[in-house]
All heavy atoms as atom14 arrays in JSON, in Angstrom:
{
  "sequence": "FIAPLEKDPRLTLKLEARAERVLIEQGRAVGVVWRDKAGQEQKSYARG",
  "atom14_mask": [
    [1, 1, 1, 1, 1, 1, 1, 1, 1, 1, 1, 0, 0, 0],
    [1, 1, 1, 1, 1, 1, 1, 1, 0, 0, 0, 0, 0, 0],
    [1, 1, 1, 1, 1, 0, 0, 0, 0, 0, 0, 0, 0, 0],
    [1, 1, 1, 1, 1, 1, 1, 0, 0, 0, 0, 0, 0, 0],
    [1, 1, 1, 1, 1, 1, 1, 1, 0, 0, 0, 0, 0, 0],
    [1, 1, 1, 1, 1, 1, 1, 1, 1, 0, 0, 0, 0, 0],
    [1, 1, 1, 1, 1, 1, 1, 1, 1, 0, 0, 0, 0, 0],
    [1, 1, 1, 1, 1, 1, 1, 1, 0, 0, 0, 0, 0, 0],
    [1, 1, 1, 1, 1, 1, 1, 0, 0, 0, 0, 0, 0, 0],
    [1, 1, 1, 1, 1, 1, 1, 1, 1, 1, 1, 0, 0, 0],
    [1, 1, 1, 1, 1, 1, 1, 1, 0, 0, 0, 0, 0, 0],
    [1, 1, 1, 1, 1, 1, 1, 0, 0, 0, 0, 0, 0, 0],
    [1, 1, 1, 1, 1, 1, 1, 1, 0, 0, 0, 0, 0, 0],
    [1, 1, 1, 1, 1, 1, 1, 1, 1, 0, 0, 0, 0, 0],
    [1, 1, 1, 1, 1, 1, 1, 1, 0, 0, 0, 0, 0, 0],
    [1, 1, 1, 1, 1, 1, 1, 1, 1, 0, 0, 0, 0, 0],
    [1, 1, 1, 1, 1, 0, 0, 0, 0, 0, 0, 0, 0, 0],
    [1, 1, 1, 1, 1, 1, 1, 1, 1, 1, 1, 0, 0, 0],
    [1, 1, 1, 1, 1, 0, 0, 0, 0, 0, 0, 0, 0, 0],
    [1, 1, 1, 1, 1, 1, 1, 1, 1, 0, 0, 0, 0, 0],
    [1, 1, 1, 1, 1, 1, 1, 1, 1, 1, 1, 0, 0, 0],
    [1, 1, 1, 1, 1, 1, 1, 0, 0, 0, 0, 0, 0, 0],
    [1, 1, 1, 1, 1, 1, 1, 1, 0, 0, 0, 0, 0, 0],
    [1, 1, 1, 1, 1, 1, 1, 1, 0, 0, 0, 0, 0, 0],
    [1, 1, 1, 1, 1, 1, 1, 1, 1, 0, 0, 0, 0, 0],
    [1, 1, 1, 1, 1, 1, 1, 1, 1, 0, 0, 0, 0, 0],
    [1, 1, 1, 1, 0, 0, 0, 0, 0, 0, 0, 0, 0, 0],
    [1, 1, 1, 1, 1, 1, 1, 1, 1, 1, 1, 0, 0, 0],
    [1, 1, 1, 1, 1, 0, 0, 0, 0, 0, 0, 0, 0, 0],
    [1, 1, 1, 1, 1, 1, 1, 0, 0, 0, 0, 0, 0, 0],
    [1, 1, 1, 1, 0, 0, 0, 0, 0, 0, 0, 0, 0, 0],
    [1, 1, 1, 1, 1, 1, 1, 0, 0, 0, 0, 0, 0, 0],
    [1, 1, 1, 1, 1, 1, 1, 0, 0, 0, 0, 0, 0, 0],
    [1, 1, 1, 1, 1, 1, 1, 1, 1, 1, 1, 1, 1, 1],
    [1, 1, 1, 1, 1, 1, 1, 1, 1, 1, 1, 0, 0, 0],
    [1, 1, 1, 1, 1, 1, 1, 1, 0, 0, 0, 0, 0, 0],
    [1, 1, 1, 1, 1, 1, 1, 1, 1, 0, 0, 0, 0, 0],
    [1, 1, 1, 1, 1, 0, 0, 0, 0, 0, 0, 0, 0, 0],
    [1, 1, 1, 1, 0, 0, 0, 0, 0, 0, 0, 0, 0, 0],
    [1, 1, 1, 1, 1, 1, 1, 1, 1, 0, 0, 0, 0, 0],
    [1, 1, 1, 1, 1, 1, 1, 1, 1, 0, 0, 0, 0, 0],
    [1, 1, 1, 1, 1, 1, 1, 1, 1, 0, 0, 0, 0, 0],
    [1, 1, 1, 1, 1, 1, 1, 1, 1, 0, 0, 0, 0, 0],
    [1, 1, 1, 1, 1, 1, 0, 0, 0, 0, 0, 0, 0, 0],
    [1, 1, 1, 1, 1, 1, 1, 1, 1, 1, 1, 1, 0, 0],
    [1, 1, 1, 1, 1, 0, 0, 0, 0, 0, 0, 0, 0, 0],
    [1, 1, 1, 1, 1, 1, 1, 1, 1, 1, 1, 0, 0, 0],
    [1, 1, 1, 1, 0, 0, 0, 0, 0, 0, 0, 0, 0, 0]
  ],
  "atom14_positions": [
    [[0.73, -1.24, -0.03], [-0.05, -0.04, 0.02], [0.9, 1.24, 0.02], [0.41, 2.24, -0.65], [-0.92, -0.03, 1.2], [-1.96, -1.1, 1.2], [-1.66, -2.37, 1.9], [-3.11, -1.03, 0.37], [-2.55, -3.3, 1.81], [-3.93, -2.15, 0.33], [-3.68, -3.32, 1.09], [0.0, 0.0, 0.0], [0.0, 0.0, 0.0], [0.0, 0.0, 0.0]],
    [[2.0, 1.22, 0.64], [2.75, 2.48, 0.72], [3.91, 2.68, -0.42], [4.06, 3.72, -1.07], [3.47, 2.6, 2.05], [2.35, 2.65, 3.19], [4.38, 3.88, 2.13], [1.42, 3.79, 3.07], [0.0, 0.0, 0.0], [0.0, 0.0, 0.0], [0.0, 0.0, 0.0], [0.0, 0.0, 0.0], [0.0, 0.0, 0.0], [0.0, 0.0, 0.0]],
    [[4.51, 1.43, -0.71], [5.55, 1.56, -1.71], [5.09, 2.13, -3.09], [5.83, 2.92, -3.72], [6.1, 0.28, -2.0], [0.0, 0.0, 0.0], [0.0, 0.0, 0.0], [0.0, 0.0, 0.0], [0.0, 0.0, 0.0], [0.0, 0.0, 0.0], [0.0, 0.0, 0.0], [0.0, 0.0, 0.0], [0.0, 0.0, 0.0], [0.0, 0.0, 0.0]],
    [[3.74, 1.84, -3.52], [3.35, 2.41, -4.74], [3.09, 3.87, -4.74], [3.04, 4.73, -5.81], [1.96, 1.73, -5.06], [2.08, 0.49, -4.3], [2.87, 0.72, -3.02], [0.0, 0.0, 0.0], [0.0, 0.0, 0.0], [0.0, 0.0, 0.0], [0.0, 0.0, 0.0], [0.0, 0.0, 0.0], [0.0, 0.0, 0.0], [0.0, 0.0, 0.0]],
    [[3.21, 4.49, -3.51], [3.01, 5.96, -3.39], [4.31, 6.65, -2.97], [4.21, 7.84, -2.62], [1.91, 6.18, -2.37], [0.48, 5.56, -2.55], [-0.47, 5.78, -1.27], [-0.1, 6.2, -3.89], [0.0, 0.0, 0.0], [0.0, 0.0, 0.0], [0.0, 0.0, 0.0], [0.0, 0.0, 0.0], [0.0, 0.0, 0.0], [0.0, 0.0, 0.0]],
    [[5.36, 6.0, -3.02], [6.52, 6.65, -2.51], [6.97, 7.92, -3.24], [7.56, 8.85, -2.7], [7.72, 5.62, -2.65], [7.66, 4.61, -1.64], [8.81, 3.53, -1.81], [9.34, 3.43, -2.83], [9.17, 2.9, -0.7], [0.0, 0.0, 0.0], [0.0, 0.0, 0.0], [0.0, 0.0, 0.0], [0.0, 0.0, 0.0], [0.0, 0.0, 0.0]],
    [[6.58, 8.1, -4.54], [6.91, 9.35, -5.29], [5.66, 10.28, -5.32], [5.75, 11.3, -6.03], [7.44, 9.0, -6.66], [8.72, 8.17, -6.65], [9.25, 7.91, -8.06], [10.52, 7.16, -7.98], [11.07, 6.82, -9.38], [0.0, 0.0, 0.0], [0.0, 0.0, 0.0], [0.0, 0.0, 0.0], [0.0, 0.0, 0.0], [0.0, 0.0, 0.0]],
    [[4.61, 9.95, -4.67], [3.36, 10.8, -4.69], [3.7, 11.86, -3.77], [3.76, 11.67, -2.52], [2.18, 9.89, -4.35], [0.89, 10.67, -4.67], [0.78, 11.87, -4.37], [-0.09, 10.0, -5.17], [0.0, 0.0, 0.0], [0.0, 0.0, 0.0], [0.0, 0.0, 0.0], [0.0, 0.0, 0.0], [0.0, 0.0, 0.0], [0.0, 0.0, 0.0]],
    [[3.65, 13.17, -4.15], [3.85, 14.26, -3.26], [2.79, 14.42, -2.22], [3.07, 15.21, -1.24], [3.98, 15.46, -4.22], [3.14, 15.05, -5.37], [3.37, 13.62, -5.52], [0.0, 0.0, 0.0], [0.0, 0.0, 0.0], [0.0, 0.0, 0.0], [0.0, 0.0, 0.0], [0.0, 0.0, 0.0], [0.0, 0.0, 0.0], [0.0, 0.0, 0.0]],
    [[1.58, 13.78, -2.37], [0.59, 14.01, -1.39], [0.77, 13.05, -0.13], [0.08, 13.42, 0.92], [-0.71, 13.53, -2.01], [-1.16, 14.4, -3.24], [-2.42, 13.89, -3.99], [-2.03, 12.62, -4.57], [-2.83, 11.84, -5.35], [-4.13, 12.44, -5.62], [-2.56, 10.76, -5.86], [0.0, 0.0, 0.0], [0.0, 0.0, 0.0], [0.0, 0.0, 0.0]],
    [[1.67, 12.2, -0.15], [2.03, 11.37, 1.03], [3.3, 11.8, 1.58], [4.34, 11.8, 0.95], [2.07, 9.96, 0.64], [2.47, 8.95, 1.83], [1.46, 8.93, 2.95], [2.63, 7.58, 1.27], [0.0, 0.0, 0.0], [0.0, 0.0, 0.0], [0.0, 0.0, 0.0], [0.0, 0.0, 0.0], [0.0, 0.0, 0.0], [0.0, 0.0, 0.0]],
    [[3.39, 12.13, 2.89], [4.58, 12.46, 3.6], [4.74, 11.36, 4.68], [3.95, 11.27, 5.47], [4.6, 13.91, 4.3], [4.31, 14.83, 3.23], [5.88, 14.05, 5.1], [0.0, 0.0, 0.0], [0.0, 0.0, 0.0], [0.0, 0.0, 0.0], [0.0, 0.0, 0.0], [0.0, 0.0, 0.0], [0.0, 0.0, 0.0], [0.0, 0.0, 0.0]],
    [[5.84, 10.63, 4.59], [6.11, 9.54, 5.45], [7.25, 9.9, 6.41], [8.36, 10.33, 5.8], [6.43, 8.32, 4.66], [6.96, 7.08, 5.44], [5.92, 6.63, 6.58], [7.5, 5.98, 4.49], [0.0, 0.0, 0.0], [0.0, 0.0, 0.0], [0.0, 0.0, 0.0], [0.0, 0.0, 0.0], [0.0, 0.0, 0.0], [0.0, 0.0, 0.0]],
    [[7.04, 9.69, 7.61], [8.08, 10.09, 8.66], [8.44, 8.79, 9.36], [7.48, 8.31, 10.1], [7.71, 11.15, 9.51], [7.5, 12.55, 8.92], [8.85, 13.1, 8.4], [8.49, 14.62, 7.91], [9.75, 15.19, 7.31], [0.0, 0.0, 0.0], [0.0, 0.0, 0.0], [0.0, 0.0, 0.0], [0.0, 0.0, 0.0], [0.0, 0.0, 0.0]],
    [[9.58, 8.19, 9.29], [10.04, 7.07, 10.13], [10.82, 7.46, 11.28], [11.32, 8.59, 11.34], [10.9, 6.11, 9.22], [10.25, 5.57, 7.89], [11.33, 4.77, 7.14], [8.99, 4.7, 8.34], [0.0, 0.0, 0.0], [0.0, 0.0, 0.0], [0.0, 0.0, 0.0], [0.0, 0.0, 0.0], [0.0, 0.0, 0.0], [0.0, 0.0, 0.0]],
    [[10.9, 6.63, 12.24], [11.45, 6.85, 13.54], [10.91, 8.06, 14.1], [11.6, 8.97, 14.65], [13.04, 6.94, 13.5], [13.58, 5.64, 12.94], [15.18, 5.73, 12.83], [15.81, 6.03, 13.86], [15.56, 5.62, 11.57], [0.0, 0.0, 0.0], [0.0, 0.0, 0.0], [0.0, 0.0, 0.0], [0.0, 0.0, 0.0], [0.0, 0.0, 0.0]],
    [[9.6, 8.28, 13.96], [8.89, 9.5, 14.43], [7.79, 9.02, 15.41], [6.79, 8.59, 15.18], [8.11, 10.19, 13.2], [0.0, 0.0, 0.0], [0.0, 0.0, 0.0], [0.0, 0.0, 0.0], [0.0, 0.0, 0.0], [0.0, 0.0, 0.0], [0.0, 0.0, 0.0], [0.0, 0.0, 0.0], [0.0, 0.0, 0.0], [0.0, 0.0, 0.0]],
    [[8.16, 9.23, 16.65], [7.37, 8.73, 17.81], [6.37, 9.8, 18.17], [6.64, 10.83, 18.67], [8.27, 8.35, 18.94], [7.55, 7.67, 20.17], [8.33, 7.45, 21.44], [8.55, 8.68, 22.13], [9.64, 9.17, 22.45], [10.86, 8.54, 22.17], [9.76, 10.26, 23.1], [0.0, 0.0, 0.0], [0.0, 0.0, 0.0], [0.0, 0.0, 0.0]],
    [[5.12, 9.39, 17.91], [4.01, 10.35, 18.43], [3.88, 10.25, 19.85], [4.11, 9.33, 20.59], [2.62, 9.78, 17.81], [0.0, 0.0, 0.0], [0.0, 0.0, 0.0], [0.0, 0.0, 0.0], [0.0, 0.0, 0.0], [0.0, 0.0, 0.0], [0.0, 0.0, 0.0], [0.0, 0.0, 0.0], [0.0, 0.0, 0.0], [0.0, 0.0, 0.0]],
    [[3.63, 11.54, 20.43], [3.59, 11.55, 21.94], [2.19, 11.9, 22.43], [1.82, 11.46, 23.45], [4.54, 12.78, 22.34], [6.03, 12.31, 22.15], [6.95, 13.25, 22.93], [6.62, 14.37, 23.16], [8.07, 12.73, 23.15], [0.0, 0.0, 0.0], [0.0, 0.0, 0.0], [0.0, 0.0, 0.0], [0.0, 0.0, 0.0], [0.0, 0.0, 0.0]],
    [[1.39, 12.73, 21.68], [0.05, 13.04, 21.98], [-0.68, 13.64, 20.88], [-0.05, 14.21, 19.9], [-0.12, 13.83, 23.3], [0.54, 15.21, 23.17], [0.62, 15.98, 24.55], [1.31, 17.17, 24.47], [0.89, 18.37, 24.06], [-0.46, 18.54, 23.83], [1.67, 19.47, 24.03], [0.0, 0.0, 0.0], [0.0, 0.0, 0.0], [0.0, 0.0, 0.0]],
    [[-1.98, 13.59, 20.95], [-2.79, 14.32, 19.94], [-3.15, 15.69, 20.57], [-3.4, 15.92, 21.71], [-4.19, 13.59, 19.77], [-5.11, 14.31, 18.81], [-3.87, 12.18, 19.22], [0.0, 0.0, 0.0], [0.0, 0.0, 0.0], [0.0, 0.0, 0.0], [0.0, 0.0, 0.0], [0.0, 0.0, 0.0], [0.0, 0.0, 0.0], [0.0, 0.0, 0.0]],
    [[-2.96, 16.7, 19.7], [-3.29, 18.05, 20.04], [-4.87, 18.27, 20.01], [-5.4, 18.02, 18.95], [-2.64, 19.05, 19.14], [-1.16, 19.28, 19.3], [-0.53, 20.03, 18.13], [-0.91, 20.1, 20.52], [0.0, 0.0, 0.0], [0.0, 0.0, 0.0], [0.0, 0.0, 0.0], [0.0, 0.0, 0.0], [0.0, 0.0, 0.0], [0.0, 0.0, 0.0]],
    [[-5.53, 18.5, 21.09], [-6.97, 18.69, 21.12], [-7.26, 20.14, 21.66], [-6.77, 20.47, 22.74], [-7.5, 17.61, 22.09], [-7.32, 16.18, 21.51], [-9.06, 17.85, 22.17], [-7.74, 15.12, 22.45], [0.0, 0.0, 0.0], [0.0, 0.0, 0.0], [0.0, 0.0, 0.0], [0.0, 0.0, 0.0], [0.0, 0.0, 0.0], [0.0, 0.0, 0.0]],
    [[-7.89, 20.84, 20.8], [-8.4, 22.21, 21.25], [-9.84, 22.38, 21.0], [-10.45, 22.05, 19.98], [-7.59, 23.2, 20.21], [-6.13, 23.14, 20.26], [-5.52, 24.09, 19.23], [-6.19, 24.72, 18.45], [-4.28, 24.22, 19.19], [0.0, 0.0, 0.0], [0.0, 0.0, 0.0], [0.0, 0.0, 0.0], [0.0, 0.0, 0.0], [0.0, 0.0, 0.0]],
    [[-10.43, 22.82, 22.14], [-11.91, 23.02, 22.25], [-12.66, 21.83, 21.75], [-13.63, 21.89, 21.0], [-12.22, 24.28, 21.36], [-11.59, 25.54, 21.89], [-12.07, 26.75, 21.04], [-12.36, 26.7, 19.92], [-12.0, 27.93, 21.71], [0.0, 0.0, 0.0], [0.0, 0.0, 0.0], [0.0, 0.0, 0.0], [0.0, 0.0, 0.0], [0.0, 0.0, 0.0]],
    [[-12.19, 20.63, 22.22], [-12.91, 19.39, 21.93], [-12.7, 18.83, 20.55], [-13.41, 17.8, 20.15], [0.0, 0.0, 0.0], [0.0, 0.0, 0.0], [0.0, 0.0, 0.0], [0.0, 0.0, 0.0], [0.0, 0.0, 0.0], [0.0, 0.0, 0.0], [0.0, 0.0, 0.0], [0.0, 0.0, 0.0], [0.0, 0.0, 0.0], [0.0, 0.0, 0.0]],
    [[-11.71, 19.37, 19.86], [-11.43, 18.84, 18.52], [-9.91, 18.46, 18.37], [-9.14, 19.27, 18.78], [-11.91, 19.79, 17.44], [-11.58, 19.22, 15.95], [-12.17, 20.16, 14.85], [-11.91, 19.49, 13.65], [-12.65, 18.67, 13.09], [-13.76, 18.41, 13.54], [-12.38, 18.17, 11.83], [0.0, 0.0, 0.0], [0.0, 0.0, 0.0], [0.0, 0.0, 0.0]],
    [[-9.58, 17.34, 17.78], [-8.28, 16.94, 17.41], [-7.73, 17.76, 16.26], [-8.36, 17.79, 15.26], [-8.18, 15.48, 16.99], [0.0, 0.0, 0.0], [0.0, 0.0, 0.0], [0.0, 0.0, 0.0], [0.0, 0.0, 0.0], [0.0, 0.0, 0.0], [0.0, 0.0, 0.0], [0.0, 0.0, 0.0], [0.0, 0.0, 0.0], [0.0, 0.0, 0.0]],
    [[-6.67, 18.56, 16.47], [-6.22, 19.51, 15.33], [-4.78, 19.12, 14.85], [-4.28, 19.63, 13.87], [-6.19, 20.84, 15.93], [-7.63, 21.25, 16.17], [-5.28, 21.09, 17.02], [0.0, 0.0, 0.0], [0.0, 0.0, 0.0], [0.0, 0.0, 0.0], [0.0, 0.0, 0.0], [0.0, 0.0, 0.0], [0.0, 0.0, 0.0], [0.0, 0.0, 0.0]],
    [[-4.12, 18.15, 15.57], [-2.76, 17.79, 15.16], [-2.09, 16.81, 16.11], [-2.86, 16.25, 16.99], [0.0, 0.0, 0.0], [0.0, 0.0, 0.0], [0.0, 0.0, 0.0], [0.0, 0.0, 0.0], [0.0, 0.0, 0.0], [0.0, 0.0, 0.0], [0.0, 0.0, 0.0], [0.0, 0.0, 0.0], [0.0, 0.0, 0.0], [0.0, 0.0, 0.0]],
    [[-0.8, 16.56, 15.94], [-0.04, 15.57, 16.7], [1.24, 16.2, 17.1], [1.91, 16.92, 16.28], [0.17, 14.33, 15.88], [0.96, 13.27, 16.61], [-1.2, 13.79, 15.48], [0.0, 0.0, 0.0], [0.0, 0.0, 0.0], [0.0, 0.0, 0.0], [0.0, 0.0, 0.0], [0.0, 0.0, 0.0], [0.0, 0.0, 0.0], [0.0, 0.0, 0.0]],
    [[1.68, 15.94, 18.35], [2.95, 16.25, 18.89], [3.8, 14.94, 18.74], [3.38, 13.89, 19.1], [2.99, 16.75, 20.3], [4.33, 17.02, 20.86], [2.18, 17.94, 20.46], [0.0, 0.0, 0.0], [0.0, 0.0, 0.0], [0.0, 0.0, 0.0], [0.0, 0.0, 0.0], [0.0, 0.0, 0.0], [0.0, 0.0, 0.0], [0.0, 0.0, 0.0]],
    [[4.92, 15.16, 18.1], [5.82, 13.93, 17.89], [7.34, 14.24, 17.85], [7.62, 15.36, 17.87], [5.49, 13.22, 16.56], [5.55, 14.09, 15.32], [4.65, 15.01, 14.89], [6.61, 14.1, 14.37], [5.11, 15.7, 13.72], [6.29, 15.11, 13.42], [7.74, 13.31, 14.18], [7.09, 15.41, 12.3], [8.63, 13.69, 13.15], [8.3, 14.59, 12.18]],
    [[8.11, 13.29, 18.01], [9.55, 13.5, 18.13], [10.3, 12.84, 16.92], [9.89, 11.71, 16.58], [10.26, 13.02, 19.47], [9.75, 13.71, 20.54], [10.73, 13.57, 21.83], [10.2, 14.47, 22.81], [10.63, 15.69, 23.06], [11.47, 16.2, 22.27], [10.1, 16.32, 24.14], [0.0, 0.0, 0.0], [0.0, 0.0, 0.0], [0.0, 0.0, 0.0]],
    [[11.2, 13.58, 16.3], [11.82, 13.05, 15.09], [13.06, 12.17, 15.54], [13.22, 11.95, 16.73], [12.33, 14.15, 14.18], [13.29, 15.17, 14.85], [13.92, 14.76, 15.76], [13.33, 16.31, 14.41], [0.0, 0.0, 0.0], [0.0, 0.0, 0.0], [0.0, 0.0, 0.0], [0.0, 0.0, 0.0], [0.0, 0.0, 0.0], [0.0, 0.0, 0.0]],
    [[13.7, 11.56, 14.61], [14.79, 10.63, 14.96], [15.93, 11.24, 15.79], [16.64, 10.62, 16.42], [15.35, 9.91, 13.69], [16.03, 10.84, 12.66], [16.51, 10.02, 11.62], [15.47, 9.35, 10.75], [15.86, 8.74, 9.58], [0.0, 0.0, 0.0], [0.0, 0.0, 0.0], [0.0, 0.0, 0.0], [0.0, 0.0, 0.0], [0.0, 0.0, 0.0]],
    [[16.01, 12.65, 15.65], [17.13, 13.28, 16.33], [16.58, 13.7, 17.8], [17.29, 14.25, 18.58], [17.35, 14.57, 15.7], [0.0, 0.0, 0.0], [0.0, 0.0, 0.0], [0.0, 0.0, 0.0], [0.0, 0.0, 0.0], [0.0, 0.0, 0.0], [0.0, 0.0, 0.0], [0.0, 0.0, 0.0], [0.0, 0.0, 0.0], [0.0, 0.0, 0.0]],
    [[15.31, 13.3, 18.14], [14.79, 13.61, 19.44], [14.11, 14.97, 19.58], [13.8, 15.31, 20.73], [0.0, 0.0, 0.0], [0.0, 0.0, 0.0], [0.0, 0.0, 0.0], [0.0, 0.0, 0.0], [0.0, 0.0, 0.0], [0.0, 0.0, 0.0], [0.0, 0.0, 0.0], [0.0, 0.0, 0.0], [0.0, 0.0, 0.0], [0.0, 0.0, 0.0]],
    [[13.92, 15.7, 18.49], [13.46, 17.01, 18.54], [11.89, 16.94, 18.53], [11.38, 16.2, 17.69], [14.06, 17.81, 17.38], [15.49, 18.08, 17.42], [15.9, 18.71, 18.72], [15.5, 19.9, 19.04], [16.87, 18.23, 19.37], [0.0, 0.0, 0.0], [0.0, 0.0, 0.0], [0.0, 0.0, 0.0], [0.0, 0.0, 0.0], [0.0, 0.0, 0.0]],
    [[11.18, 17.76, 19.32], [9.82, 17.83, 19.3], [9.31, 18.54, 18.07], [9.77, 19.69, 17.71], [9.27, 18.51, 20.5], [7.76, 18.59, 20.66], [7.18, 19.39, 21.83], [7.19, 18.8, 22.91], [6.78, 20.48, 21.66], [0.0, 0.0, 0.0], [0.0, 0.0, 0.0], [0.0, 0.0, 0.0], [0.0, 0.0, 0.0], [0.0, 0.0, 0.0]],
    [[8.35, 17.9, 17.44], [7.64, 18.56, 16.28], [6.18, 18.57, 16.55], [5.63, 17.74, 17.23], [7.98, 17.64, 15.04], [9.52, 17.4, 14.75], [10.2, 18.63, 14.3], [9.58, 19.56, 13.87], [11.46, 18.56, 14.42], [0.0, 0.0, 0.0], [0.0, 0.0, 0.0], [0.0, 0.0, 0.0], [0.0, 0.0, 0.0], [0.0, 0.0, 0.0]],
    [[5.57, 19.56, 15.83], [4.07, 19.62, 15.85], [3.53, 19.67, 14.33], [4.02, 20.47, 13.63], [3.6, 20.77, 16.62], [3.84, 20.75, 18.12], [3.26, 21.95, 18.77], [3.49, 21.96, 20.32], [3.02, 23.19, 21.08], [0.0, 0.0, 0.0], [0.0, 0.0, 0.0], [0.0, 0.0, 0.0], [0.0, 0.0, 0.0], [0.0, 0.0, 0.0]],
    [[2.65, 18.88, 14.08], [2.06, 18.85, 12.76], [0.36, 18.9, 12.97], [-0.04, 18.34, 13.98], [2.31, 17.61, 12.07], [3.76, 17.49, 11.87], [0.0, 0.0, 0.0], [0.0, 0.0, 0.0], [0.0, 0.0, 0.0], [0.0, 0.0, 0.0], [0.0, 0.0, 0.0], [0.0, 0.0, 0.0], [0.0, 0.0, 0.0], [0.0, 0.0, 0.0]],
    [[-0.15, 19.58, 12.0], [-1.59, 19.81, 12.12], [-2.45, 19.36, 11.05], [-1.84, 19.12, 9.86], [-1.74, 21.41, 12.18], [-1.12, 22.03, 13.39], [0.2, 22.4, 13.34], [-2.01, 22.29, 14.61], [0.67, 22.98, 14.61], [-1.36, 22.88, 15.63], [0.08, 23.19, 15.72], [0.5, 23.73, 16.89], [0.0, 0.0, 0.0], [0.0, 0.0, 0.0]],
    [[-3.61, 18.86, 11.37], [-4.54, 18.35, 10.34], [-5.74, 19.3, 10.16], [-6.42, 19.67, 11.08], [-4.98, 17.06, 10.82], [0.0, 0.0, 0.0], [0.0, 0.0, 0.0], [0.0, 0.0, 0.0], [0.0, 0.0, 0.0], [0.0, 0.0, 0.0], [0.0, 0.0, 0.0], [0.0, 0.0, 0.0], [0.0, 0.0, 0.0], [0.0, 0.0, 0.0]],
    [[-5.97, 19.7, 8.83], [-7.06, 20.4, 8.56], [-8.41, 19.62, 8.64], [-9.43, 20.12, 8.97], [-7.04, 20.97, 7.18], [-6.08, 22.14, 6.98], [-6.13, 22.7, 5.61], [-5.33, 21.78, 4.6], [-4.2, 21.8, 4.25], [-3.38, 22.74, 4.84], [-3.65, 20.97, 3.5], [0.0, 0.0, 0.0], [0.0, 0.0, 0.0], [0.0, 0.0, 0.0]],
    [[-8.25, 18.27, 8.45], [-9.41, 17.36, 8.5], [-9.43, 16.6, 9.8], [-9.84, 17.13, 10.97], [0.0, 0.0, 0.0], [0.0, 0.0, 0.0], [0.0, 0.0, 0.0], [0.0, 0.0, 0.0], [0.0, 0.0, 0.0], [0.0, 0.0, 0.0], [0.0, 0.0, 0.0], [0.0, 0.0, 0.0], [0.0, 0.0, 0.0], [0.0, 0.0, 0.0]]
  ]
}
């Protein structure tokens, strides 16, 4: 399922990316807090 989409710009795959929690604002999930392979905290957001 993923290998056929490796060159599709619509898919962003992050490996060694440990999710830490879901960002929830006013009762809605808006994103995810995660750590990259270097251990740095990252935040990504979902419009949907």
